[in-house]
Structures are given as structure tokens and as C-alpha cells.
PDB file of N, CA and C in Angstrom:
ATOM      1  N   MET A   1      12.940  61.766  13.135  1.00  0.00           N
ATOM      2  CA  MET A   1      13.235  62.514  11.793  1.00  0.00           C
ATOM      3  C   MET A   1      14.732  62.766  12.188  1.00  0.00           C
ATOM      4  N   GLY A   2      15.617  62.945  11.214  1.00  0.00           N
ATOM      5  CA  GLY A   2      16.999  63.282  11.262  1.00  0.00           C
ATOM      6  C   GLY A   2      17.339  64.270  11.750  1.00  0.00           C
ATOM      7  N   GLN A   3      18.019  64.661  12.680  1.00  0.00           N
ATOM      8  CA  GLN A   3      18.723  65.979  13.256  1.00  0.00           C
ATOM      9  C   GLN A   3      19.152  67.002  12.228  1.00  0.00           C
ATOM     10  N   LEU A   4      20.072  66.584  11.254  1.00  0.00           N
ATOM     11  CA  LEU A   4      20.496  67.209  10.164  1.00  0.00           C
ATOM     12  C   LEU A   4      19.523  67.621   9.261  1.00  0.00           C
ATOM     13  N   ARG A   5      18.122  66.815   8.894  1.00  0.00           N
ATOM     14  CA  ARG A   5      17.415  67.432   8.171  1.00  0.00           C
ATOM     15  C   ARG A   5      16.688  68.568   9.052  1.00  0.00           C
ATOM     16  N   ILE A   6      16.243  68.563  10.352  1.00  0.00           N
ATOM     17  CA  ILE A   6      15.662  69.339  11.017  1.00  0.00           C
ATOM     18  C   ILE A   6      16.735  70.769  11.268  1.00  0.00           C
ATOM     19  N   GLU A   7      17.771  70.635  11.162  1.00  0.00           N
ATOM     20  CA  GLU A   7      18.786  71.885  11.102  1.00  0.00           C
ATOM     21  C   GLU A   7      18.964  72.464   9.823  1.00  0.00           C
ATOM     22  N   LYS A   8      18.575  71.774   8.649  1.00  0.00           N
ATOM     23  CA  LYS A   8      18.573  72.328   7.324  1.00  0.00           C
ATOM     24  C   LYS A   8      17.439  73.187   7.129  1.00  0.00           C
ATOM     25  N   VAL A   9      16.386  72.615   7.779  1.00  0.00           N
ATOM     26  CA  VAL A   9      14.938  73.191   7.681  1.00  0.00           C
ATOM     27  C   VAL A   9      14.905  74.516   8.110  1.00  0.00           C
ATOM     28  N   GLN A  10      15.444  74.460   9.597  1.00  0.00           N
ATOM     29  CA  GLN A  10      15.679  75.572  10.526  1.00  0.00           C
ATOM     30  C   GLN A  10      16.449  76.856   9.673  1.00  0.00           C
ATOM     31  N   GLU A  11      17.598  76.761   9.162  1.00  0.00           N
ATOM     32  CA  GLU A  11      18.197  77.551   8.523  1.00  0.00           C
ATOM     33  C   GLU A  11      17.546  77.628   7.223  1.00  0.00           C
ATOM     34  N   LEU A  12      16.869  77.270   6.375  1.00  0.00           N
ATOM     35  CA  LEU A  12      16.187  77.712   5.290  1.00  0.00           C
ATOM     36  C   LEU A  12      15.005  78.257   5.672  1.00  0.00           C
ATOM     37  N   ILE A  13      14.242  78.402   6.867  1.00  0.00           N
ATOM     38  CA  ILE A  13      13.426  79.106   7.335  1.00  0.00           C
ATOM     39  C   ILE A  13      13.785  80.258   7.651  1.00  0.00           C
ATOM     40  N   LYS A  14      14.671  80.377   8.472  1.00  0.00           N
ATOM     41  CA  LYS A  14      15.576  81.498   8.799  1.00  0.00           C
ATOM     42  C   LYS A  14      15.935  82.651   7.672  1.00  0.00           C
ATOM     43  N   GLN A  15      16.625  82.069   6.623  1.00  0.00           N
ATOM     44  CA  GLN A  15      16.973  82.701   5.770  1.00  0.00           C
ATOM     45  C   GLN A  15      15.694  83.079   4.746  1.00  0.00           C
ATOM     46  N   GLU A  16      14.706  82.641   4.539  1.00  0.00           N
ATOM     47  CA  GLU A  16      13.791  83.099   3.803  1.00  0.00           C
ATOM     48  C   GLU A  16      12.818  84.113   4.445  1.00  0.00           C
ATOM     49  N   VAL A  17      12.662  83.580   5.641  1.00  0.00           N
ATOM     50  CA  VAL A  17      11.772  84.955   6.779  1.00  0.00           C
ATOM     51  C   VAL A  17      12.615  86.071   6.656  1.00  0.00           C
ATOM     52  N   SER A  18      13.797  85.951   7.066  1.00  0.00           N
ATOM     53  CA  SER A  18      14.610  87.291   7.008  1.00  0.00           C
ATOM     54  C   SER A  18      14.534  88.215   5.436  1.00  0.00           C
ATOM     55  N   LYS A  19      14.604  87.056   4.530  1.00  0.00           N
ATOM     56  CA  LYS A  19      14.441  87.939   3.312  1.00  0.00           C
ATOM     57  C   LYS A  19      12.927  88.471   2.904  1.00  0.00           C
ATOM     58  N   ILE A  20      12.193  87.761   3.389  1.00  0.00           N
ATOM     59  CA  ILE A  20      10.712  88.246   3.493  1.00  0.00           C
ATOM     60  C   ILE A  20      10.460  89.771   4.299  1.00  0.00           C
ATOM     61  N   ILE A  21      11.084  89.748   5.294  1.00  0.00           N
ATOM     62  CA  ILE A  21      10.900  90.552   6.176  1.00  0.00           C
ATOM     63  C   ILE A  21      11.613  92.064   5.432  1.00  0.00           C
ATOM     64  N   LEU A  22      12.844  91.600   5.135  1.00  0.00           N
ATOM     65  CA  LEU A  22      13.541  92.666   4.760  1.00  0.00           C
ATOM     66  C   LEU A  22      13.149  93.503   3.386  1.00  0.00           C
ATOM     67  N   GLN A  23      12.552  92.624   2.557  1.00  0.00           N
ATOM     68  CA  GLN A  23      12.373  93.094   1.151  1.00  0.00           C
ATOM     69  C   GLN A  23      10.973  92.914   0.804  1.00  0.00           C
ATOM     70  N   GLU A  24      10.139  92.416   1.229  1.00  0.00           N
ATOM     71  CA  GLU A  24       8.696  91.809   0.670  1.00  0.00           C
ATOM     72  C   GLU A  24       7.676  92.666   1.663  1.00  0.00           C
ATOM     73  N   LEU A  25       7.902  92.609   2.886  1.00  0.00           N
ATOM     74  CA  LEU A  25       6.716  93.503   3.762  1.00  0.00           C
ATOM     75  C   LEU A  25       6.523  94.753   3.634  1.00  0.00           C
ATOM     76  N   LYS A  26       5.759  95.271   3.138  1.00  0.00           N
ATOM     77  CA  LYS A  26       5.520  96.491   3.041  1.00  0.00           C
ATOM     78  C   LYS A  26       4.588  97.413   3.911  1.00  0.00           C
ATOM     79  N   ASP A  27       4.456  96.779   5.234  1.00  0.00           N
ATOM     80  CA  ASP A  27       3.864  97.269   6.343  1.00  0.00           C
ATOM     81  C   ASP A  27       4.933  98.512   6.775  1.00  0.00           C
ATOM     82  N   PRO A  28       4.392  99.848   7.041  1.00  0.00           N
ATOM     83  CA  PRO A  28       5.417 100.764   7.729  1.00  0.00           C
ATOM     84  C   PRO A  28       5.583 100.801   8.962  1.00  0.00           C
ATOM     85  N   ARG A  29       5.097 100.309   9.720  1.00  0.00           N
ATOM     86  CA  ARG A  29       5.097  99.658  11.228  1.00  0.00           C
ATOM     87  C   ARG A  29       6.569  99.120  11.352  1.00  0.00           C
ATOM     88  N   ILE A  30       6.973  98.228  10.272  1.00  0.00           N
ATOM     89  CA  ILE A  30       8.028  97.359  10.413  1.00  0.00           C
ATOM     90  C   ILE A  30       9.381  98.258  10.813  1.00  0.00           C
ATOM     91  N   GLY A  31      10.260  97.961  11.831  1.00  0.00           N
ATOM     92  CA  GLY A  31      11.206  98.713  12.229  1.00  0.00           C
ATOM     93  C   GLY A  31      12.286  97.758  11.942  1.00  0.00           C
ATOM     94  N   PHE A  32      13.695  98.013  12.513  1.00  0.00           N
ATOM     95  CA  PHE A  32      14.543  97.152  12.406  1.00  0.00           C
ATOM     96  C   PHE A  32      14.365  95.888  13.235  1.00  0.00           C
ATOM     97  N   VAL A  33      14.370  94.875  12.333  1.00  0.00           N
ATOM     98  CA  VAL A  33      14.413  93.351  12.811  1.00  0.00           C
ATOM     99  C   VAL A  33      15.203  92.516  12.569  1.00  0.00           C
ATOM    100  N   THR A  34      15.978  91.720  13.162  1.00  0.00           N
ATOM    101  CA  THR A  34      16.772  90.710  12.843  1.00  0.00           C
ATOM    102  C   THR A  34      16.343  89.246  13.330  1.00  0.00           C
ATOM    103  N   VAL A  35      16.152  88.284  12.544  1.00  0.00           N
ATOM    104  CA  VAL A  35      15.761  87.093  12.844  1.00  0.00           C
ATOM    105  C   VAL A  35      17.205  86.110  13.373  1.00  0.00           C
ATOM    106  N   THR A  36      17.053  85.855  14.372  1.00  0.00           N
ATOM    107  CA  THR A  36      18.171  85.599  15.445  1.00  0.00           C
ATOM    108  C   THR A  36      18.593  84.154  15.113  1.00  0.00           C
ATOM    109  N   GLN A  37      17.189  83.386  15.198  1.00  0.00           N
ATOM    110  CA  GLN A  37      17.185  81.719  15.174  1.00  0.00           C
ATOM    111  C   GLN A  37      15.761  81.309  14.974  1.00  0.00           C
ATOM    112  N   VAL A  38      15.991  80.038  14.699  1.00  0.00           N
ATOM    113  CA  VAL A  38      14.663  79.455  14.332  1.00  0.00           C
ATOM    114  C   VAL A  38      14.715  77.849  14.854  1.00  0.00           C
ATOM    115  N   ASP A  39      13.765  77.626  15.547  1.00  0.00           N
ATOM    116  CA  ASP A  39      13.355  76.195  16.131  1.00  0.00           C
ATOM    117  C   ASP A  39      12.210  75.515  15.613  1.00  0.00           C
ATOM    118  N   VAL A  40      12.345  74.698  15.045  1.00  0.00           N
ATOM    119  CA  VAL A  40      11.458  73.676  14.422  1.00  0.00           C
ATOM    120  C   VAL A  40      11.396  72.239  15.382  1.00  0.00           C
ATOM    121  N   SER A  41      10.050  71.993  15.533  1.00  0.00           N
ATOM    122  CA  SER A  41       9.780  70.929  16.313  1.00  0.00           C
ATOM    123  C   SER A  41      10.187  69.471  15.558  1.00  0.00           C
ATOM    124  N   GLY A  42      10.306  68.547  16.165  1.00  0.00           N
ATOM    125  CA  GLY A  42      10.860  67.044  15.590  1.00  0.00           C
ATOM    126  C   GLY A  42       9.889  66.719  14.358  1.00  0.00           C
ATOM    127  N   ASP A  43       8.651  66.944  14.225  1.00  0.00           N
ATOM    128  CA  ASP A  43       7.629  66.609  13.191  1.00  0.00           C
ATOM    129  C   ASP A  43       7.656  67.775  12.281  1.00  0.00           C
ATOM    130  N   LEU A  44       8.282  68.704  12.196  1.00  0.00           N
ATOM    131  CA  LEU A  44       8.180  69.808  11.014  1.00  0.00           C
ATOM    132  C   LEU A  44       6.986  70.499  11.199  1.00  0.00           C
ATOM    133  N   LYS A  45       6.300  70.533  12.503  1.00  0.00           N
ATOM    134  CA  LYS A  45       4.975  71.042  12.260  1.00  0.00           C
ATOM    135  C   LYS A  45       4.760  72.472  12.689  1.00  0.00           C
ATOM    136  N   TYR A  46       5.742  72.803  13.706  1.00  0.00           N
ATOM    137  CA  TYR A  46       5.740  73.909  14.358  1.00  0.00           C
ATOM    138  C   TYR A  46       7.079  74.583  14.402  1.00  0.00           C
ATOM    139  N   ALA A  47       7.143  75.953  14.253  1.00  0.00           N
ATOM    140  CA  ALA A  47       8.468  76.758  13.804  1.00  0.00           C
ATOM    141  C   ALA A  47       8.380  78.165  14.939  1.00  0.00           C
ATOM    142  N   LYS A  48       9.288  78.321  15.827  1.00  0.00           N
ATOM    143  CA  LYS A  48       9.336  79.160  16.523  1.00  0.00           C
ATOM    144  C   LYS A  48      10.536  80.128  15.948  1.00  0.00           C
ATOM    145  N   ILE A  49      10.068  81.324  15.686  1.00  0.00           N
ATOM    146  CA  ILE A  49      11.056  82.338  15.131  1.00  0.00           C
ATOM    147  C   ILE A  49      11.514  83.338  15.962  1.00  0.00           C
ATOM    148  N   TYR A  50      12.757  83.452  16.596  1.00  0.00           N
ATOM    149  CA  TYR A  50      13.096  84.249  17.300  1.00  0.00           C
ATOM    150  C   TYR A  50      13.639  85.683  16.563  1.00  0.00           C
ATOM    151  N   VAL A  51      13.196  86.736  17.106  1.00  0.00           N
ATOM    152  CA  VAL A  51      13.553  88.035  16.526  1.00  0.00           C
ATOM    153  C   VAL A  51      14.079  88.938  17.459  1.00  0.00           C
ATOM    154  N   SER A  52      14.959  89.899  17.162  1.00  0.00           N
ATOM    155  CA  SER A  52      15.564  90.732  18.027  1.00  0.00           C
ATOM    156  C   SER A  52      15.098  92.318  17.190  1.00  0.00           C
ATOM    157  N   LEU A  53      14.141  92.881  18.250  1.00  0.00           N
ATOM    158  CA  LEU A  53      13.832  94.098  17.453  1.00  0.00           C
ATOM    159  C   LEU A  53      14.491  95.371  18.492  1.00  0.00           C
ATOM    160  N   LEU A  54      15.011  96.361  17.566  1.00  0.00           N
ATOM    161  CA  LEU A  54      15.602  97.606  17.965  1.00  0.00           C
ATOM    162  C   LEU A  54      14.954  98.587  17.745  1.00  0.00           C
ATOM    163  N   GLY A  55      14.974  99.688  18.828  1.00  0.00           N
ATOM    164  CA  GLY A  55      14.348 101.003  18.359  1.00  0.00           C
ATOM    165  C   GLY A  55      13.440 101.576  19.899  1.00  0.00           C
ATOM    166  N   SER A  56      12.805 102.617  19.880  1.00  0.00           N
ATOM    167  CA  SER A  56      12.108 102.888  21.182  1.00  0.00           C
ATOM    168  C   SER A  56      11.108 101.785  21.285  1.00  0.00           C
ATOM    169  N   GLN A  57      10.517 101.837  22.717  1.00  0.00           N
ATOM    170  CA  GLN A  57       9.625 101.046  23.382  1.00  0.00           C
ATOM    171  C   GLN A  57       8.143 101.237  22.030  1.00  0.00           C
ATOM    172  N   GLU A  58       7.815 102.462  21.770  1.00  0.00           N
ATOM    173  CA  GLU A  58       6.780 102.386  20.752  1.00  0.00           C
ATOM    174  C   GLU A  58       7.055 101.784  19.404  1.00  0.00           C
ATOM    175  N   GLU A  59       8.177 102.008  18.842  1.00  0.00           N
ATOM    176  CA  GLU A  59       8.708 101.347  17.638  1.00  0.00           C
ATOM    177  C   GLU A  59       8.780  99.970  17.912  1.00  0.00           C
ATOM    178  N   VAL A  60       9.105  99.454  19.059  1.00  0.00           N
ATOM    179  CA  VAL A  60       9.383  97.745  19.107  1.00  0.00           C
ATOM    180  C   VAL A  60       7.780  97.430  19.118  1.00  0.00           C
ATOM    181  N   LYS A  61       6.913  97.887  19.639  1.00  0.00           N
ATOM    182  CA  LYS A  61       5.425  97.710  20.211  1.00  0.00           C
ATOM    183  C   LYS A  61       4.823  97.439  18.591  1.00  0.00           C
ATOM    184  N   ASN A  62       5.088  98.321  17.855  1.00  0.00           N
ATOM    185  CA  ASN A  62       4.483  98.665  16.506  1.00  0.00           C
ATOM    186  C   ASN A  62       4.968  97.754  15.587  1.00  0.00           C
ATOM    187  N   THR A  63       6.255  97.350  15.575  1.00  0.00           N
ATOM    188  CA  THR A  63       6.982  96.125  14.941  1.00  0.00           C
ATOM    189  C   THR A  63       6.256  94.834  15.273  1.00  0.00           C
ATOM    190  N   TRP A  64       6.318  94.578  16.518  1.00  0.00           N
ATOM    191  CA  TRP A  64       5.789  93.364  16.886  1.00  0.00           C
ATOM    192  C   TRP A  64       4.427  93.246  16.318  1.00  0.00           C
ATOM    193  N   ALA A  65       3.582  94.322  16.574  1.00  0.00           N
ATOM    194  CA  ALA A  65       2.179  94.190  15.924  1.00  0.00           C
ATOM    195  C   ALA A  65       2.091  93.717  14.619  1.00  0.00           C
ATOM    196  N   ALA A  66       2.968  94.315  13.653  1.00  0.00           N
ATOM    197  CA  ALA A  66       2.788  94.179  12.383  1.00  0.00           C
ATOM    198  C   ALA A  66       3.514  92.879  12.119  1.00  0.00           C
ATOM    199  N   LEU A  67       4.681  92.436  12.982  1.00  0.00           N
ATOM    200  CA  LEU A  67       4.888  90.971  12.273  1.00  0.00           C
ATOM    201  C   LEU A  67       3.994  89.685  12.720  1.00  0.00           C
ATOM    202  N   GLN A  68       3.157  90.238  13.945  1.00  0.00           N
ATOM    203  CA  GLN A  68       2.124  89.418  14.435  1.00  0.00           C
ATOM    204  C   GLN A  68       0.951  89.075  13.185  1.00  0.00           C
ATOM    205  N   SER A  69       0.520  90.443  12.695  1.00  0.00           N
ATOM    206  CA  SER A  69      -0.532  90.362  11.634  1.00  0.00           C
ATOM    207  C   SER A  69       0.059  89.687  10.338  1.00  0.00           C
ATOM    208  N   SER A  70       1.521  89.510  10.140  1.00  0.00           N
ATOM    209  CA  SER A  70       1.879  89.116   8.943  1.00  0.00           C
ATOM    210  C   SER A  70       2.166  87.602   8.906  1.00  0.00           C
ATOM    211  N   LEU A  71       1.964  86.788  10.074  1.00  0.00           N
ATOM    212  CA  LEU A  71       2.130  85.683  10.010  1.00  0.00           C
ATOM    213  C   LEU A  71       1.712  84.571   9.144  1.00  0.00           C
ATOM    214  N   GLY A  72       0.340  84.966   8.804  1.00  0.00           N
ATOM    215  CA  GLY A  72      -0.146  84.465   7.717  1.00  0.00           C
ATOM    216  C   GLY A  72       0.453  84.477   6.197  1.00  0.00           C
ATOM    217  N   TYR A  73       0.985  85.491   5.918  1.00  0.00           N
ATOM    218  CA  TYR A  73       1.396  85.599   4.709  1.00  0.00           C
ATOM    219  C   TYR A  73       2.802  85.104   4.749  1.00  0.00           C
ATOM    220  N   LEU A  74       3.507  85.193   5.752  1.00  0.00           N
ATOM    221  CA  LEU A  74       4.908  84.489   5.941  1.00  0.00           C
ATOM    222  C   LEU A  74       4.908  83.090   6.065  1.00  0.00           C
ATOM    223  N   ARG A  75       3.628  82.370   6.244  1.00  0.00           N
ATOM    224  CA  ARG A  75       3.535  80.980   6.266  1.00  0.00           C
ATOM    225  C   ARG A  75       3.417  80.467   4.783  1.00  0.00           C
ATOM    226  N   ARG A  76       2.184  81.340   4.151  1.00  0.00           N
ATOM    227  CA  ARG A  76       2.114  81.034   2.727  1.00  0.00           C
ATOM    228  C   ARG A  76       3.410  80.968   1.770  1.00  0.00           C
ATOM    229  N   GLU A  77       4.041  82.239   2.088  1.00  0.00           N
ATOM    230  CA  GLU A  77       5.168  82.100   1.406  1.00  0.00           C
ATOM    231  C   GLU A  77       6.498  81.016   1.695  1.00  0.00           C
ATOM    232  N   ILE A  78       6.491  80.841   3.179  1.00  0.00           N
ATOM    233  CA  ILE A  78       7.351  79.614   3.304  1.00  0.00           C
ATOM    234  C   ILE A  78       6.991  78.598   2.229  1.00  0.00           C
ATOM    235  N   GLY A  79       5.490  78.118   2.619  1.00  0.00           N
ATOM    236  CA  GLY A  79       5.168  76.957   1.992  1.00  0.00           C
ATOM    237  C   GLY A  79       5.330  77.115   0.151  1.00  0.00           C
ATOM    238  N   HIS A  80       5.300  78.167  -0.251  1.00  0.00           N
ATOM    239  CA  HIS A  80       5.709  78.079  -1.714  1.00  0.00           C
ATOM    240  C   HIS A  80       7.416  78.067  -1.783  1.00  0.00           C
ATOM    241  N   ARG A  81       7.884  78.558  -1.306  1.00  0.00           N
ATOM    242  CA  ARG A  81       9.251  78.682  -1.079  1.00  0.00           C
ATOM    243  C   ARG A  81      10.399  77.394  -0.674  1.00  0.00           C
ATOM    244  N   ILE A  82       9.754  76.728   0.139  1.00  0.00           N
ATOM    245  CA  ILE A  82      10.557  75.346   0.763  1.00  0.00           C
ATOM    246  C   ILE A  82       9.498  74.322   0.738  1.00  0.00           C
ATOM    247  N   LYS A  83       9.661  73.617  -0.343  1.00  0.00           N
ATOM    248  CA  LYS A  83       8.883  72.271  -0.676  1.00  0.00           C
ATOM    249  C   LYS A  83       8.630  71.303   0.640  1.00  0.00           C
ATOM    250  N   LEU A  84       7.803  71.485   1.523  1.00  0.00           N
ATOM    251  CA  LEU A  84       7.904  70.381   2.514  1.00  0.00           C
ATOM    252  C   LEU A  84       6.155  69.885   2.398  1.00  0.00           C
ATOM    253  N   ARG A  85       6.167  68.682   3.076  1.00  0.00           N
ATOM    254  CA  ARG A  85       4.917  68.008   3.081  1.00  0.00           C
ATOM    255  C   ARG A  85       4.003  68.881   3.710  1.00  0.00           C
ATOM    256  N   CYS A  86       4.177  69.379   4.864  1.00  0.00           N
ATOM    257  CA  CYS A  86       3.250  70.395   5.376  1.00  0.00           C
ATOM    258  C   CYS A  86       4.218  71.280   5.957  1.00  0.00           C
ATOM    259  N   THR A  87       3.515  72.750   5.678  1.00  0.00           N
ATOM    260  CA  THR A  87       3.998  74.033   5.987  1.00  0.00           C
ATOM    261  C   THR A  87       4.079  74.201   7.590  1.00  0.00           C
ATOM    262  N   PRO A  88       5.183  74.533   8.349  1.00  0.00           N
ATOM    263  CA  PRO A  88       5.014  74.507   9.680  1.00  0.00           C
ATOM    264  C   PRO A  88       4.107  75.840  10.143  1.00  0.00           C
ATOM    265  N   GLU A  89       3.479  75.533  11.283  1.00  0.00           N
ATOM    266  CA  GLU A  89       2.994  76.610  12.008  1.00  0.00           C
ATOM    267  C   GLU A  89       3.760  77.832  12.564  1.00  0.00           C
ATOM    268  N   LEU A  90       3.679  79.079  12.271  1.00  0.00           N
ATOM    269  CA  LEU A  90       5.073  79.921  12.635  1.00  0.00           C
ATOM    270  C   LEU A  90       4.366  80.815  13.563  1.00  0.00           C
ATOM    271  N   SER A  91       5.286  81.217  14.636  1.00  0.00           N
ATOM    272  CA  SER A  91       5.257  81.774  15.679  1.00  0.00           C
ATOM    273  C   SER A  91       6.370  82.523  15.876  1.00  0.00           C
ATOM    274  N   PHE A  92       6.353  83.707  16.467  1.00  0.00           N
ATOM    275  CA  PHE A  92       7.288  84.801  16.694  1.00  0.00           C
ATOM    276  C   PHE A  92       7.508  84.762  18.459  1.00  0.00           C
ATOM    277  N   GLN A  93       9.029  84.825  18.702  1.00  0.00           N
ATOM    278  CA  GLN A  93       9.254  85.037  19.945  1.00  0.00           C
ATOM    279  C   GLN A  93      10.461  86.312  20.338  1.00  0.00           C
ATOM    280  N   ILE A  94      10.353  86.940  21.123  1.00  0.00           N
ATOM    281  CA  ILE A  94      11.508  88.194  20.848  1.00  0.00           C
ATOM    282  C   ILE A  94      12.711  87.414  21.648  1.00  0.00           C
ATOM    283  N   ASP A  95      13.732  87.757  20.959  1.00  0.00           N
ATOM    284  CA  ASP A  95      15.204  87.222  21.690  1.00  0.00           C
ATOM    285  C   ASP A  95      15.496  88.395  22.392  1.00  0.00           C
ATOM    286  N   LYS A  96      15.744  88.002  23.665  1.00  0.00           N
ATOM    287  CA  LYS A  96      16.402  88.983  24.521  1.00  0.00           C
ATOM    288  C   LYS A  96      17.835  88.811  24.628  1.00  0.00           C
ATOM    289  N   SER A  97      18.538  87.934  24.172  1.00  0.00           N
ATOM    290  CA  SER A  97      19.936  87.845  24.195  1.00  0.00           C
ATOM    291  C   SER A  97      20.811  88.821  23.883  1.00  0.00           C
ATOM    292  N   LEU A  98      20.364  89.838  22.844  1.00  0.00           N
ATOM    293  CA  LEU A  98      21.263  91.019  22.636  1.00  0.00           C
ATOM    294  C   LEU A  98      20.916  91.948  24.136  1.00  0.00           C
ATOM    295  N   ASP A  99      19.916  92.133  24.408  1.00  0.00           N
ATOM    296  CA  ASP A  99      19.782  93.161  25.609  1.00  0.00           C
ATOM    297  C   ASP A  99      20.573  92.646  26.798  1.00  0.00           C
ATOM    298  N   HIS A 100      20.484  91.078  27.081  1.00  0.00           N
ATOM    299  CA  HIS A 100      21.082  90.574  28.196  1.00  0.00           C
ATOM    300  C   HIS A 100      22.946  90.573  28.078  1.00  0.00           C
ATOM    301  N   SER A 101      23.159  90.597  26.890  1.00  0.00           N
ATOM    302  CA  SER A 101      24.979  90.688  26.732  1.00  0.00           C
ATOM    303  C   SER A 101      25.061  92.127  26.748  1.00  0.00           C
ATOM    304  N   VAL A 102      24.287  93.272  26.540  1.00  0.00           N
ATOM    305  CA  VAL A 102      24.566  94.523  26.860  1.00  0.00           C
ATOM    306  C   VAL A 102      24.510  94.720  28.346  1.00  0.00           C
ATOM    307  N   HIS A 103      23.515  94.379  28.897  1.00  0.00           N
ATOM    308  CA  HIS A 103      23.699  94.394  30.381  1.00  0.00           C
ATOM    309  C   HIS A 103      24.837  93.911  30.931  1.00  0.00           C
ATOM    310  N   ILE A 104      25.391  92.519  30.537  1.00  0.00           N
ATOM    311  CA  ILE A 104      26.631  91.994  31.165  1.00  0.00           C
ATOM    312  C   ILE A 104      27.860  92.844  30.997  1.00  0.00           C
ATOM    313  N   GLN A 105      27.751  93.260  29.661  1.00  0.00           N
ATOM    314  CA  GLN A 105      29.018  94.196  29.395  1.00  0.00           C
ATOM    315  C   GLN A 105      29.184  95.501  30.191  1.00  0.00           C
ATOM    316  N   GLU A 106      27.844  96.046  30.512  1.00  0.00           N
ATOM    317  CA  GLU A 106      27.787  97.261  31.261  1.00  0.00           C
ATOM    318  C   GLU A 106      28.160  96.931  32.646  1.00  0.00           C
ATOM    319  N   LEU A 107      27.858  95.768  33.280  1.00  0.00           N
ATOM    320  CA  LEU A 107      28.314  95.365  34.724  1.00  0.00           C
ATOM    321  C   LEU A 107      29.728  95.104  34.691  1.00  0.00           C
ATOM    322  N   LEU A 108      30.382  94.575  33.514  1.00  0.00           N
ATOM    323  CA  LEU A 108      31.644  94.271  33.500  1.00  0.00           C
ATOM    324  C   LEU A 108      32.699  95.626  33.439  1.00  0.00           C
ATOM    325  N   ASP A 109      31.934  96.437  32.429  1.00  0.00           N
ATOM    326  CA  ASP A 109      32.717  97.862  32.635  1.00  0.00           C
ATOM    327  C   ASP A 109      32.798  98.541  33.907  1.00  0.00           C
ATOM    328  N   LYS A 110      31.502  98.351  34.610  1.00  0.00           N
ATOM    329  CA  LYS A 110      31.278  98.812  35.958  1.00  0.00           C
ATOM    330  C   LYS A 110      32.596  98.348  37.153  1.00  0.00           C
ATOM    331  N   ILE A 111      32.708  97.040  37.005  1.00  0.00           N
ATOM    332  CA  ILE A 111      33.471  96.517  37.767  1.00  0.00           C
ATOM    333  C   ILE A 111      34.977  96.787  37.362  1.00  0.00           C
ATOM    334  N   LYS A 112      35.172  97.136  36.064  1.00  0.00           N
ATOM    335  CA  LYS A 112      36.722  97.153  35.728  1.00  0.00           C
ATOM    336  C   LYS A 112      36.909  98.735  36.209  1.00  0.00           C
ATOM    337  N   LYS A 113      35.898  99.856  36.025  1.00  0.00           N
ATOM    338  CA  LYS A 113      36.459 101.022  36.711  1.00  0.00           C
ATOM    339  C   LYS A 113      36.395 100.842  38.167  1.00  0.00           C
ATOM    340  N   ASN A 114      35.675 100.175  38.780  1.00  0.00           N
ATOM    341  CA  ASN A 114      35.798 100.147  40.164  1.00  0.00           C
ATOM    342  C   ASN A 114      37.230  99.631  40.678  1.00  0.00           C
ATOM    343  N   GLU A 115      37.650  98.491  39.709  1.00  0.00           N
ATOM    344  CA  GLU A 115      38.849  98.092  40.182  1.00  0.00           C
ATOM    345  C   GLU A 115      40.232  99.101  39.687  1.00  0.00           C
ATOM    346  N   ALA A 116      39.835  99.868  38.929  1.00  0.00           N
ATOM    347  CA  ALA A 116      40.919 100.798  38.566  1.00  0.00           C
ATOM    348  C   ALA A 116      41.211 101.934  39.618  1.00  0.00           C
ATOM    349  N   ASN A 117      40.168 102.166  40.313  1.00  0.00           N
ATOM    350  CA  ASN A 117      39.854 103.288  41.410  1.00  0.00           C
ATOM    351  C   ASN A 117      40.390 102.905  42.650  1.00  0.00           C
TER     352      ASN A 117
END
């Protein structure tokens, strides 16, 4: 399948999942969620949705549980909104890149402070 088509499907899924989480999911456990990336397999049968979760450990745990329980609803909605021959099987992955960048920034600040002394 063409790489351009896969990229378009990834972007469409990212936009729609973000919109559904923000506006339509009514689960009170869902906190601050950002969809950072979507990876779709070459045959468009599987989609990994990378999310960044913010909050305390308990809030992150509750949000993760709520997202996992909403996978069926999200897949059905994606199937209705994006016309594909078969709707991809969705799975969530936690995106740690934000935590990693904060850690790197802290290390750089520490090095800069040590050089100033």
C-alpha cells in the first residue's frame, strides 16, 4: 500500500480519536490526554495510538483504565467516520517522549548551573 495513503489514514485516525476523547467520551476517570502519534500497519489492519497522560500517578492510572475500556467504542466510531474496507484494530501505547524531554532539560540545566560555578 502506498506510504502516502498510510500517512493520510494515520493523520485522520489521530484527529478523530483526539476529537472523540475530548468531546464525546463521558467517563469521569479520563483526565488530560494528548494523542501524540498514530502508527498504522501497512495493511491498515492495526493501529497503535500513542498518548501522553498528565497528572498524578493515580490520575494517570485511572485515565489509562478508562481509555482501555473505551477501545471498542473508539473503533466503532472510527469505522463510521473514516470509510475504510476494514476498520483497524486499535491499541493504546503510552508516549514517554514528553517525560524524556523534561528529564533531558533538567540535566542540561544542571550542567549549565555547574559550569557557571
